[in-house]
PDB file of N, CA and C in Angstrom:
ATOM      1  N   MET A   1     -13.264  18.719 -21.392  1.00  0.00           N
ATOM      2  CA  MET A   1     -13.544  19.533 -20.884  1.00  0.00           C
ATOM      3  C   MET A   1     -13.159  19.747 -19.675  1.00  0.00           C
ATOM      4  N   ILE A   2     -12.512  20.851 -19.244  1.00  0.00           N
ATOM      5  CA  ILE A   2     -11.820  20.961 -17.871  1.00  0.00           C
ATOM      6  C   ILE A   2     -12.987  21.469 -16.742  1.00  0.00           C
ATOM      7  N   VAL A   3     -12.827  20.743 -15.622  1.00  0.00           N
ATOM      8  CA  VAL A   3     -13.830  20.800 -14.501  1.00  0.00           C
ATOM      9  C   VAL A   3     -13.112  20.841 -13.245  1.00  0.00           C
ATOM     10  N   VAL A   4     -13.221  22.067 -12.491  1.00  0.00           N
ATOM     11  CA  VAL A   4     -12.528  22.059 -11.401  1.00  0.00           C
ATOM     12  C   VAL A   4     -13.679  22.784 -10.308  1.00  0.00           C
ATOM     13  N   ASN A   5     -13.048  22.653  -9.296  1.00  0.00           N
ATOM     14  CA  ASN A   5     -13.756  23.070  -8.195  1.00  0.00           C
ATOM     15  C   ASN A   5     -13.287  24.384  -7.462  1.00  0.00           C
ATOM     16  N   THR A   6     -12.343  25.343  -8.394  1.00  0.00           N
ATOM     17  CA  THR A   6     -11.586  26.611  -8.076  1.00  0.00           C
ATOM     18  C   THR A   6     -11.914  27.724  -9.261  1.00  0.00           C
ATOM     19  N   GLU A   7     -11.613  28.731  -8.882  1.00  0.00           N
ATOM     20  CA  GLU A   7     -11.907  29.783  -9.634  1.00  0.00           C
ATOM     21  C   GLU A   7     -11.004  29.931 -10.910  1.00  0.00           C
ATOM     22  N   THR A   8     -10.121  29.432 -10.927  1.00  0.00           N
ATOM     23  CA  THR A   8      -8.818  29.664 -11.826  1.00  0.00           C
ATOM     24  C   THR A   8      -8.334  28.229 -12.299  1.00  0.00           C
ATOM     25  N   VAL A   9      -7.926  28.077 -13.416  1.00  0.00           N
ATOM     26  CA  VAL A   9      -6.779  26.940 -13.517  1.00  0.00           C
ATOM     27  C   VAL A   9      -5.437  27.362 -14.251  1.00  0.00           C
ATOM     28  N   PRO A  10      -4.506  27.028 -13.455  1.00  0.00           N
ATOM     29  CA  PRO A  10      -3.277  27.220 -13.709  1.00  0.00           C
ATOM     30  C   PRO A  10      -3.041  27.279 -15.114  1.00  0.00           C
ATOM     31  N   GLY A  11      -2.191  28.134 -15.732  1.00  0.00           N
ATOM     32  CA  GLY A  11      -2.020  28.032 -17.163  1.00  0.00           C
ATOM     33  C   GLY A  11      -2.692  28.330 -18.117  1.00  0.00           C
ATOM     34  N   TYR A  12      -4.391  28.914 -17.580  1.00  0.00           N
ATOM     35  CA  TYR A  12      -5.308  29.259 -18.136  1.00  0.00           C
ATOM     36  C   TYR A  12      -5.800  30.481 -18.096  1.00  0.00           C
ATOM     37  N   ALA A  13      -6.211  31.522 -18.952  1.00  0.00           N
ATOM     38  CA  ALA A  13      -7.128  32.557 -18.540  1.00  0.00           C
ATOM     39  C   ALA A  13      -8.524  32.438 -19.238  1.00  0.00           C
ATOM     40  N   ILE A  14      -9.269  33.322 -18.081  1.00  0.00           N
ATOM     41  CA  ILE A  14     -10.910  33.128 -18.731  1.00  0.00           C
ATOM     42  C   ILE A  14     -10.984  33.995 -20.134  1.00  0.00           C
ATOM     43  N   LYS A  15     -11.384  33.407 -21.428  1.00  0.00           N
ATOM     44  CA  LYS A  15     -11.696  34.311 -22.569  1.00  0.00           C
ATOM     45  C   LYS A  15     -12.995  35.045 -22.208  1.00  0.00           C
ATOM     46  N   GLU A  16     -14.097  34.121 -21.924  1.00  0.00           N
ATOM     47  CA  GLU A  16     -15.284  34.661 -21.692  1.00  0.00           C
ATOM     48  C   GLU A  16     -15.895  33.650 -20.425  1.00  0.00           C
ATOM     49  N   VAL A  17     -17.088  34.011 -20.164  1.00  0.00           N
ATOM     50  CA  VAL A  17     -18.080  33.717 -19.253  1.00  0.00           C
ATOM     51  C   VAL A  17     -19.205  33.188 -19.766  1.00  0.00           C
ATOM     52  N   ARG A  18     -19.457  31.842 -19.927  1.00  0.00           N
ATOM     53  CA  ARG A  18     -21.186  31.623 -20.602  1.00  0.00           C
ATOM     54  C   ARG A  18     -22.107  31.547 -19.696  1.00  0.00           C
ATOM     55  N   GLY A  19     -21.748  31.461 -18.256  1.00  0.00           N
ATOM     56  CA  GLY A  19     -23.067  31.624 -17.448  1.00  0.00           C
ATOM     57  C   GLY A  19     -23.151  30.116 -16.557  1.00  0.00           C
ATOM     58  N   LEU A  20     -24.136  30.610 -15.632  1.00  0.00           N
ATOM     59  CA  LEU A  20     -24.420  29.202 -14.873  1.00  0.00           C
ATOM     60  C   LEU A  20     -24.572  28.254 -15.245  1.00  0.00           C
ATOM     61  N   VAL A  21     -24.249  26.967 -15.039  1.00  0.00           N
ATOM     62  CA  VAL A  21     -24.875  25.568 -15.396  1.00  0.00           C
ATOM     63  C   VAL A  21     -25.068  24.672 -14.382  1.00  0.00           C
ATOM     64  N   GLN A  22     -26.129  23.720 -14.652  1.00  0.00           N
ATOM     65  CA  GLN A  22     -26.298  22.947 -13.411  1.00  0.00           C
ATOM     66  C   GLN A  22     -27.012  21.976 -14.378  1.00  0.00           C
ATOM     67  N   GLY A  23     -26.875  20.670 -13.299  1.00  0.00           N
ATOM     68  CA  GLY A  23     -27.705  19.391 -13.601  1.00  0.00           C
ATOM     69  C   GLY A  23     -28.066  18.917 -12.500  1.00  0.00           C
ATOM     70  N   ASN A  24     -28.924  18.125 -12.295  1.00  0.00           N
ATOM     71  CA  ASN A  24     -29.533  17.339 -11.370  1.00  0.00           C
ATOM     72  C   ASN A  24     -30.253  15.989 -11.662  1.00  0.00           C
ATOM     73  N   THR A  25     -30.545  15.445 -10.575  1.00  0.00           N
ATOM     74  CA  THR A  25     -31.249  14.259 -10.435  1.00  0.00           C
ATOM     75  C   THR A  25     -31.949  13.767  -9.062  1.00  0.00           C
ATOM     76  N   VAL A  26     -33.188  13.175  -9.287  1.00  0.00           N
ATOM     77  CA  VAL A  26     -33.572  12.835  -7.882  1.00  0.00           C
ATOM     78  C   VAL A  26     -33.772  11.415  -7.884  1.00  0.00           C
ATOM     79  N   ARG A  27     -33.444  11.023  -6.941  1.00  0.00           N
ATOM     80  CA  ARG A  27     -33.419   9.672  -6.626  1.00  0.00           C
ATOM     81  C   ARG A  27     -34.408   8.881  -5.391  1.00  0.00           C
ATOM     82  N   THR A  28     -34.748   8.068  -5.633  1.00  0.00           N
ATOM     83  CA  THR A  28     -35.686   7.275  -4.406  1.00  0.00           C
ATOM     84  C   THR A  28     -35.136   6.067  -3.822  1.00  0.00           C
ATOM     85  N   LYS A  29     -35.448   6.051  -2.401  1.00  0.00           N
ATOM     86  CA  LYS A  29     -34.901   5.171  -1.684  1.00  0.00           C
ATOM     87  C   LYS A  29     -35.494   3.714  -2.107  1.00  0.00           C
ATOM     88  N   HIS A  30     -34.859   2.639  -2.165  1.00  0.00           N
ATOM     89  CA  HIS A  30     -35.076   1.343  -2.455  1.00  0.00           C
ATOM     90  C   HIS A  30     -35.000   0.558  -1.133  1.00  0.00           C
ATOM     91  N   ALA A  31     -36.367  -0.279  -1.301  1.00  0.00           N
ATOM     92  CA  ALA A  31     -36.738  -1.242   0.310  1.00  0.00           C
ATOM     93  C   ALA A  31     -35.523  -2.142   0.384  1.00  0.00           C
ATOM     94  N   GLY A  32     -35.190  -2.875  -0.480  1.00  0.00           N
ATOM     95  CA  GLY A  32     -33.943  -3.806  -0.099  1.00  0.00           C
ATOM     96  C   GLY A  32     -32.841  -2.906   0.342  1.00  0.00           C
ATOM     97  N   ARG A  33     -32.417  -1.775   0.169  1.00  0.00           N
ATOM     98  CA  ARG A  33     -31.428  -1.104   0.391  1.00  0.00           C
ATOM     99  C   ARG A  33     -31.567  -0.594   1.805  1.00  0.00           C
ATOM    100  N   ASP A  34     -32.838  -0.078   2.263  1.00  0.00           N
ATOM    101  CA  ASP A  34     -33.339   0.363   3.597  1.00  0.00           C
ATOM    102  C   ASP A  34     -33.164  -0.528   4.645  1.00  0.00           C
ATOM    103  N   PHE A  35     -33.645  -2.155   4.060  1.00  0.00           N
ATOM    104  CA  PHE A  35     -33.489  -2.976   4.883  1.00  0.00           C
ATOM    105  C   PHE A  35     -32.016  -3.261   5.457  1.00  0.00           C
ATOM    106  N   LEU A  36     -31.094  -3.288   4.224  1.00  0.00           N
ATOM    107  CA  LEU A  36     -29.581  -3.499   4.651  1.00  0.00           C
ATOM    108  C   LEU A  36     -29.263  -2.304   5.479  1.00  0.00           C
ATOM    109  N   ALA A  37     -29.502  -1.095   5.262  1.00  0.00           N
ATOM    110  CA  ALA A  37     -29.193   0.005   6.016  1.00  0.00           C
ATOM    111  C   ALA A  37     -29.734  -0.182   7.420  1.00  0.00           C
ATOM    112  N   GLY A  38     -30.703  -0.865   7.717  1.00  0.00           N
ATOM    113  CA  GLY A  38     -31.238  -0.876   9.068  1.00  0.00           C
ATOM    114  C   GLY A  38     -30.228  -1.838   9.775  1.00  0.00           C
ATOM    115  N   LEU A  39     -30.032  -3.048   9.063  1.00  0.00           N
ATOM    116  CA  LEU A  39     -28.931  -4.016   9.468  1.00  0.00           C
ATOM    117  C   LEU A  39     -27.533  -3.380   9.738  1.00  0.00           C
ATOM    118  N   LYS A  40     -27.101  -2.725   8.712  1.00  0.00           N
ATOM    119  CA  LYS A  40     -25.972  -2.045   9.239  1.00  0.00           C
ATOM    120  C   LYS A  40     -25.788  -0.961  10.614  1.00  0.00           C
ATOM    121  N   ASN A  41     -27.068  -0.726  10.568  1.00  0.00           N
ATOM    122  CA  ASN A  41     -27.056   0.532  11.957  1.00  0.00           C
ATOM    123  C   ASN A  41     -26.655  -0.259  12.982  1.00  0.00           C
ATOM    124  N   LEU A  42     -26.837  -1.467  13.075  1.00  0.00           N
ATOM    125  CA  LEU A  42     -26.907  -2.463  14.388  1.00  0.00           C
ATOM    126  C   LEU A  42     -25.606  -2.910  14.454  1.00  0.00           C
ATOM    127  N   VAL A  43     -24.894  -2.961  13.052  1.00  0.00           N
ATOM    128  CA  VAL A  43     -23.458  -3.520  13.426  1.00  0.00           C
ATOM    129  C   VAL A  43     -22.368  -2.404  12.797  1.00  0.00           C
ATOM    130  N   GLY A  44     -22.863  -1.382  12.589  1.00  0.00           N
ATOM    131  CA  GLY A  44     -22.019  -0.490  12.076  1.00  0.00           C
ATOM    132  C   GLY A  44     -21.394  -1.122  10.621  1.00  0.00           C
ATOM    133  N   GLY A  45     -20.656   0.149  10.057  1.00  0.00           N
ATOM    134  CA  GLY A  45     -20.110  -0.195   8.394  1.00  0.00           C
ATOM    135  C   GLY A  45     -20.759   0.478   7.367  1.00  0.00           C
ATOM    136  N   GLU A  46     -19.970   0.569   6.173  1.00  0.00           N
ATOM    137  CA  GLU A  46     -20.673   1.106   5.331  1.00  0.00           C
ATOM    138  C   GLU A  46     -21.933   0.727   4.468  1.00  0.00           C
ATOM    139  N   VAL A  47     -22.809   1.319   4.431  1.00  0.00           N
ATOM    140  CA  VAL A  47     -24.088   0.946   3.495  1.00  0.00           C
ATOM    141  C   VAL A  47     -23.954   1.060   2.129  1.00  0.00           C
ATOM    142  N   LYS A  48     -23.288  -0.035   1.428  1.00  0.00           N
ATOM    143  CA  LYS A  48     -22.373   0.236  -0.047  1.00  0.00           C
ATOM    144  C   LYS A  48     -23.732   0.269  -0.962  1.00  0.00           C
ATOM    145  N   GLY A  49     -25.202  -0.096  -0.535  1.00  0.00           N
ATOM    146  CA  GLY A  49     -25.943   0.306  -1.523  1.00  0.00           C
ATOM    147  C   GLY A  49     -26.327   1.623  -1.995  1.00  0.00           C
ATOM    148  N   TYR A  50     -26.327   2.723  -0.624  1.00  0.00           N
ATOM    149  CA  TYR A  50     -26.606   4.105  -0.511  1.00  0.00           C
ATOM    150  C   TYR A  50     -25.236   4.569  -1.230  1.00  0.00           C
ATOM    151  N   THR A  51     -24.005   4.066  -1.125  1.00  0.00           N
ATOM    152  CA  THR A  51     -22.855   4.586  -1.636  1.00  0.00           C
ATOM    153  C   THR A  51     -23.194   4.618  -3.039  1.00  0.00           C
ATOM    154  N   GLN A  52     -23.354   3.214  -3.580  1.00  0.00           N
ATOM    155  CA  GLN A  52     -23.610   3.308  -4.991  1.00  0.00           C
ATOM    156  C   GLN A  52     -24.654   4.361  -5.659  1.00  0.00           C
ATOM    157  N   LEU A  53     -25.473   4.383  -4.773  1.00  0.00           N
ATOM    158  CA  LEU A  53     -26.606   5.374  -5.301  1.00  0.00           C
ATOM    159  C   LEU A  53     -26.010   6.622  -5.178  1.00  0.00           C
ATOM    160  N   LEU A  54     -25.503   7.444  -4.355  1.00  0.00           N
ATOM    161  CA  LEU A  54     -24.932   8.547  -4.398  1.00  0.00           C
ATOM    162  C   LEU A  54     -23.955   8.733  -5.416  1.00  0.00           C
ATOM    163  N   THR A  55     -23.143   7.817  -5.551  1.00  0.00           N
ATOM    164  CA  THR A  55     -22.146   7.742  -6.673  1.00  0.00           C
ATOM    165  C   THR A  55     -22.688   8.075  -8.087  1.00  0.00           C
ATOM    166  N   GLU A  56     -23.767   6.934  -8.096  1.00  0.00           N
ATOM    167  CA  GLU A  56     -24.448   7.511  -9.709  1.00  0.00           C
ATOM    168  C   GLU A  56     -25.093   8.392  -9.654  1.00  0.00           C
ATOM    169  N   ALA A  57     -25.779   8.993  -8.428  1.00  0.00           N
ATOM    170  CA  ALA A  57     -26.467  10.358  -8.855  1.00  0.00           C
ATOM    171  C   ALA A  57     -25.322  11.644  -9.028  1.00  0.00           C
ATOM    172  N   ARG A  58     -24.531  11.273  -8.270  1.00  0.00           N
ATOM    173  CA  ARG A  58     -23.153  12.512  -8.771  1.00  0.00           C
ATOM    174  C   ARG A  58     -22.908  12.484  -9.992  1.00  0.00           C
ATOM    175  N   ARG A  59     -22.598  11.390 -10.514  1.00  0.00           N
ATOM    176  CA  ARG A  59     -22.128  11.308 -11.793  1.00  0.00           C
ATOM    177  C   ARG A  59     -23.238  11.977 -12.945  1.00  0.00           C
ATOM    178  N   GLU A  60     -24.502  11.329 -12.716  1.00  0.00           N
ATOM    179  CA  GLU A  60     -25.406  11.513 -13.618  1.00  0.00           C
ATOM    180  C   GLU A  60     -25.654  13.195 -13.736  1.00  0.00           C
ATOM    181  N   ALA A  61     -25.697  13.930 -12.415  1.00  0.00           N
ATOM    182  CA  ALA A  61     -25.885  15.163 -12.319  1.00  0.00           C
ATOM    183  C   ALA A  61     -24.783  16.022 -12.959  1.00  0.00           C
ATOM    184  N   LEU A  62     -23.309  15.680 -12.587  1.00  0.00           N
ATOM    185  CA  LEU A  62     -22.364  16.262 -13.504  1.00  0.00           C
ATOM    186  C   LEU A  62     -22.497  16.094 -15.087  1.00  0.00           C
ATOM    187  N   GLU A  63     -22.834  14.820 -15.428  1.00  0.00           N
ATOM    188  CA  GLU A  63     -22.869  14.705 -16.615  1.00  0.00           C
ATOM    189  C   GLU A  63     -23.839  15.730 -17.397  1.00  0.00           C
ATOM    190  N   ARG A  64     -25.049  16.020 -16.949  1.00  0.00           N
ATOM    191  CA  ARG A  64     -26.155  16.825 -17.292  1.00  0.00           C
ATOM    192  C   ARG A  64     -25.338  18.370 -17.114  1.00  0.00           C
ATOM    193  N   MET A  65     -24.687  18.623 -16.140  1.00  0.00           N
ATOM    194  CA  MET A  65     -24.087  19.898 -16.111  1.00  0.00           C
ATOM    195  C   MET A  65     -23.155  20.115 -16.874  1.00  0.00           C
ATOM    196  N   LEU A  66     -22.403  19.047 -17.672  1.00  0.00           N
ATOM    197  CA  LEU A  66     -21.450  19.223 -18.708  1.00  0.00           C
ATOM    198  C   LEU A  66     -22.138  19.320 -20.038  1.00  0.00           C
ATOM    199  N   ALA A  67     -23.038  18.669 -20.536  1.00  0.00           N
ATOM    200  CA  ALA A  67     -23.848  18.727 -21.432  1.00  0.00           C
ATOM    201  C   ALA A  67     -24.452  20.093 -21.787  1.00  0.00           C
ATOM    202  N   GLN A  68     -25.138  20.643 -20.276  1.00  0.00           N
ATOM    203  CA  GLN A  68     -25.387  22.089 -20.541  1.00  0.00           C
ATOM    204  C   GLN A  68     -24.153  23.203 -20.772  1.00  0.00           C
ATOM    205  N   ALA A  69     -23.308  23.002 -20.623  1.00  0.00           N
ATOM    206  CA  ALA A  69     -21.923  23.756 -20.749  1.00  0.00           C
ATOM    207  C   ALA A  69     -21.575  23.568 -22.142  1.00  0.00           C
ATOM    208  N   GLN A  70     -21.621  22.547 -22.737  1.00  0.00           N
ATOM    209  CA  GLN A  70     -21.074  22.126 -23.952  1.00  0.00           C
ATOM    210  C   GLN A  70     -21.977  22.738 -25.000  1.00  0.00           C
ATOM    211  N   GLN A  71     -23.291  22.781 -24.806  1.00  0.00           N
ATOM    212  CA  GLN A  71     -24.361  23.475 -25.318  1.00  0.00           C
ATOM    213  C   GLN A  71     -24.032  25.036 -25.463  1.00  0.00           C
ATOM    214  N   LEU A  72     -23.874  25.394 -24.546  1.00  0.00           N
ATOM    215  CA  LEU A  72     -23.334  26.920 -24.472  1.00  0.00           C
ATOM    216  C   LEU A  72     -21.856  27.245 -24.922  1.00  0.00           C
ATOM    217  N   GLY A  73     -21.290  26.007 -25.538  1.00  0.00           N
ATOM    218  CA  GLY A  73     -19.920  26.457 -26.282  1.00  0.00           C
ATOM    219  C   GLY A  73     -18.785  26.829 -25.241  1.00  0.00           C
ATOM    220  N   ALA A  74     -18.829  26.185 -24.032  1.00  0.00           N
ATOM    221  CA  ALA A  74     -17.876  26.548 -23.016  1.00  0.00           C
ATOM    222  C   ALA A  74     -16.630  25.223 -23.496  1.00  0.00           C
ATOM    223  N   ASN A  75     -15.636  25.290 -22.692  1.00  0.00           N
ATOM    224  CA  ASN A  75     -14.678  24.298 -22.896  1.00  0.00           C
ATOM    225  C   ASN A  75     -14.115  23.789 -21.285  1.00  0.00           C
ATOM    226  N   ALA A  76     -15.114  24.673 -20.266  1.00  0.00           N
ATOM    227  CA  ALA A  76     -14.663  24.691 -18.647  1.00  0.00           C
ATOM    228  C   ALA A  76     -15.551  24.981 -18.051  1.00  0.00           C
ATOM    229  N   VAL A  77     -15.655  24.064 -16.754  1.00  0.00           N
ATOM    230  CA  VAL A  77     -16.695  24.838 -15.628  1.00  0.00           C
ATOM    231  C   VAL A  77     -15.924  24.968 -14.819  1.00  0.00           C
ATOM    232  N   LEU A  78     -15.960  26.195 -13.818  1.00  0.00           N
ATOM    233  CA  LEU A  78     -15.035  26.238 -12.952  1.00  0.00           C
ATOM    234  C   LEU A  78     -16.550  26.428 -11.721  1.00  0.00           C
ATOM    235  N   ASN A  79     -15.544  26.405 -10.146  1.00  0.00           N
ATOM    236  CA  ASN A  79     -16.406  26.482  -8.907  1.00  0.00           C
ATOM    237  C   ASN A  79     -17.450  25.591  -9.097  1.00  0.00           C
ATOM    238  N   VAL A  80     -16.876  24.402  -9.321  1.00  0.00           N
ATOM    239  CA  VAL A  80     -18.146  23.257  -9.655  1.00  0.00           C
ATOM    240  C   VAL A  80     -18.446  22.913  -8.012  1.00  0.00           C
ATOM    241  N   ARG A  81     -19.812  22.606  -7.622  1.00  0.00           N
ATOM    242  CA  ARG A  81     -20.068  22.412  -6.173  1.00  0.00           C
ATOM    243  C   ARG A  81     -21.317  21.408  -6.660  1.00  0.00           C
ATOM    244  N   PHE A  82     -21.635  20.594  -5.424  1.00  0.00           N
ATOM    245  CA  PHE A  82     -22.571  19.640  -5.271  1.00  0.00           C
ATOM    246  C   PHE A  82     -23.384  19.913  -4.186  1.00  0.00           C
ATOM    247  N   THR A  83     -24.562  19.699  -4.059  1.00  0.00           N
ATOM    248  CA  THR A  83     -25.627  20.046  -2.946  1.00  0.00           C
ATOM    249  C   THR A  83     -26.721  18.970  -2.789  1.00  0.00           C
ATOM    250  N   THR A  84     -27.405  18.361  -2.035  1.00  0.00           N
ATOM    251  CA  THR A  84     -28.291  17.706  -1.757  1.00  0.00           C
ATOM    252  C   THR A  84     -29.533  18.521  -1.228  1.00  0.00           C
ATOM    253  N   SER A  85     -30.725  17.933  -1.540  1.00  0.00           N
ATOM    254  CA  SER A  85     -31.954  18.079  -0.378  1.00  0.00           C
ATOM    255  C   SER A  85     -32.926  17.087  -0.477  1.00  0.00           C
ATOM    256  N   SER A  86     -33.528  17.151   0.559  1.00  0.00           N
ATOM    257  CA  SER A  86     -34.639  15.951   0.509  1.00  0.00           C
ATOM    258  C   SER A  86     -36.181  16.636  -0.370  1.00  0.00           C
ATOM    259  N   VAL A  87     -36.697  15.946  -1.334  1.00  0.00           N
ATOM    260  CA  VAL A  87     -37.539  16.350  -2.141  1.00  0.00           C
ATOM    261  C   VAL A  87     -38.681  15.949  -1.532  1.00  0.00           C
ATOM    262  N   THR A  88     -38.944  14.502  -1.319  1.00  0.00           N
ATOM    263  CA  THR A  88     -40.182  14.060  -0.470  1.00  0.00           C
ATOM    264  C   THR A  88     -39.548  13.289   1.046  1.00  0.00           C
ATOM    265  N   ALA A  89     -40.261  12.581   1.346  1.00  0.00           N
ATOM    266  CA  ALA A  89     -39.673  11.306   2.677  1.00  0.00           C
ATOM    267  C   ALA A  89     -38.860  10.486   1.958  1.00  0.00           C
ATOM    268  N   GLY A  90     -39.098   9.964   0.947  1.00  0.00           N
ATOM    269  CA  GLY A  90     -38.541   8.801   0.107  1.00  0.00           C
ATOM    270  C   GLY A  90     -37.575   9.230  -1.149  1.00  0.00           C
ATOM    271  N   ALA A  91     -37.256  10.627  -1.130  1.00  0.00           N
ATOM    272  CA  ALA A  91     -36.577  11.178  -2.412  1.00  0.00           C
ATOM    273  C   ALA A  91     -35.611  12.105  -2.102  1.00  0.00           C
ATOM    274  N   ALA A  92     -34.681  12.102  -2.663  1.00  0.00           N
ATOM    275  CA  ALA A  92     -33.622  13.092  -2.652  1.00  0.00           C
ATOM    276  C   ALA A  92     -32.987  13.498  -3.800  1.00  0.00           C
ATOM    277  N   GLU A  93     -32.631  14.868  -3.880  1.00  0.00           N
ATOM    278  CA  GLU A  93     -32.161  15.503  -5.307  1.00  0.00           C
ATOM    279  C   GLU A  93     -30.796  15.602  -4.922  1.00  0.00           C
ATOM    280  N   LEU A  94     -29.739  15.386  -5.746  1.00  0.00           N
ATOM    281  CA  LEU A  94     -28.357  15.926  -6.151  1.00  0.00           C
ATOM    282  C   LEU A  94     -28.440  16.809  -7.068  1.00  0.00           C
ATOM    283  N   TYR A  95     -27.697  17.949  -6.790  1.00  0.00           N
ATOM    284  CA  TYR A  95     -27.542  18.893  -7.856  1.00  0.00           C
ATOM    285  C   TYR A  95     -26.164  19.287  -7.881  1.00  0.00           C
ATOM    286  N   ALA A  96     -25.688  19.729  -9.136  1.00  0.00           N
ATOM    287  CA  ALA A  96     -24.504  19.831  -9.422  1.00  0.00           C
ATOM    288  C   ALA A  96     -24.426  21.396  -9.982  1.00  0.00           C
ATOM    289  N   TYR A  97     -23.647  22.355  -9.782  1.00  0.00           N
ATOM    290  CA  TYR A  97     -23.735  23.564 -10.663  1.00  0.00           C
ATOM    291  C   TYR A  97     -22.293  23.935 -10.536  1.00  0.00           C
ATOM    292  N   GLY A  98     -21.686  25.280 -11.681  1.00  0.00           N
ATOM    293  CA  GLY A  98     -20.822  25.946 -11.551  1.00  0.00           C
ATOM    294  C   GLY A  98     -20.911  26.944 -12.956  1.00  0.00           C
ATOM    295  N   THR A  99     -19.897  27.249 -13.077  1.00  0.00           N
ATOM    296  CA  THR A  99     -19.975  28.542 -13.760  1.00  0.00           C
ATOM    297  C   THR A  99     -18.996  28.109 -15.145  1.00  0.00           C
ATOM    298  N   ALA A 100     -19.777  28.166 -16.322  1.00  0.00           N
ATOM    299  CA  ALA A 100     -19.457  27.638 -18.044  1.00  0.00           C
ATOM    300  C   ALA A 100     -18.444  28.810 -18.212  1.00  0.00           C
ATOM    301  N   VAL A 101     -17.374  28.440 -18.818  1.00  0.00           N
ATOM    302  CA  VAL A 101     -16.412  29.573 -19.323  1.00  0.00           C
ATOM    303  C   VAL A 101     -15.475  28.672 -20.645  1.00  0.00           C
ATOM    304  N   VAL A 102     -15.336  30.077 -21.217  1.00  0.00           N
ATOM    305  CA  VAL A 102     -14.137  29.585 -22.317  1.00  0.00           C
ATOM    306  C   VAL A 102     -12.788  30.071 -21.797  1.00  0.00           C
ATOM    307  N   LEU A 103     -11.870  28.964 -21.780  1.00  0.00           N
ATOM    308  CA  LEU A 103     -10.501  29.314 -21.458  1.00  0.00           C
ATOM    309  C   LEU A 103      -9.582  29.033 -22.665  1.00  0.00           C
ATOM    310  N   ILE A 104      -8.826  29.866 -22.431  1.00  0.00           N
ATOM    311  CA  ILE A 104      -7.362  29.983 -23.276  1.00  0.00           C
ATOM    312  C   ILE A 104      -6.387  29.804 -22.837  1.00  0.00           C
ATOM    313  N   GLU A 105      -5.546  29.112 -23.185  1.00  0.00           N
ATOM    314  CA  GLU A 105      -3.752  28.832 -22.533  1.00  0.00           C
ATOM    315  C   GLU A 105      -3.136  30.187 -22.517  1.00  0.00           C
ATOM    316  N   SER A 106      -2.572  30.326 -21.244  1.00  0.00           N
ATOM    317  CA  SER A 106      -1.932  31.694 -20.680  1.00  0.00           C
ATOM    318  C   SER A 106      -0.700  31.209 -20.025  1.00  0.00           C
ATOM    319  N   PRO A 107       0.451  31.073 -20.651  1.00  0.00           N
ATOM    320  CA  PRO A 107       1.473  30.122 -19.640  1.00  0.00           C
ATOM    321  C   PRO A 107       1.956  31.413 -18.562  1.00  0.00           C
ATOM    322  N   GLY A 108       1.899  30.797 -17.363  1.00  0.00           N
ATOM    323  CA  GLY A 108       2.078  31.934 -16.566  1.00  0.00           C
ATOM    324  C   GLY A 108       1.093  32.354 -15.941  1.00  0.00           C
ATOM    325  N   SER A 109      -0.107  32.261 -16.344  1.00  0.00           N
ATOM    326  CA  SER A 109      -1.546  32.637 -15.649  1.00  0.00           C
ATOM    327  C   SER A 109      -1.623  31.660 -14.197  1.00  0.00           C
ATOM    328  N   TYR A 110      -2.177  31.965 -13.368  1.00  0.00           N
ATOM    329  CA  TYR A 110      -2.734  31.373 -12.263  1.00  0.00           C
ATOM    330  C   TYR A 110      -4.157  31.580 -11.993  1.00  0.00           C
TER     331      TYR A 110
END
């Protein structure tokens, strides 16, 4: 499956638009990570626990979006975007979305 954050893919033409696809996940904070994050605020640096949490959340949201695209018979998702929002004081949603399409090879297309 081709996944891009652009409207076109060089060498391909859009044969059919299958529609909006989306995937999301809601993650909660972890007390241990919060404690370490507080310590990092004192000395500076990356909060690796949160970095890992967000990486996993992006992957999960992307996988769910791609599964939906596959169900629609798409072979590509264009204009892929990620967004986040706070669900509650201790939880955040990571949302991935894009346009599911069927691409065909088209030399010289941009």
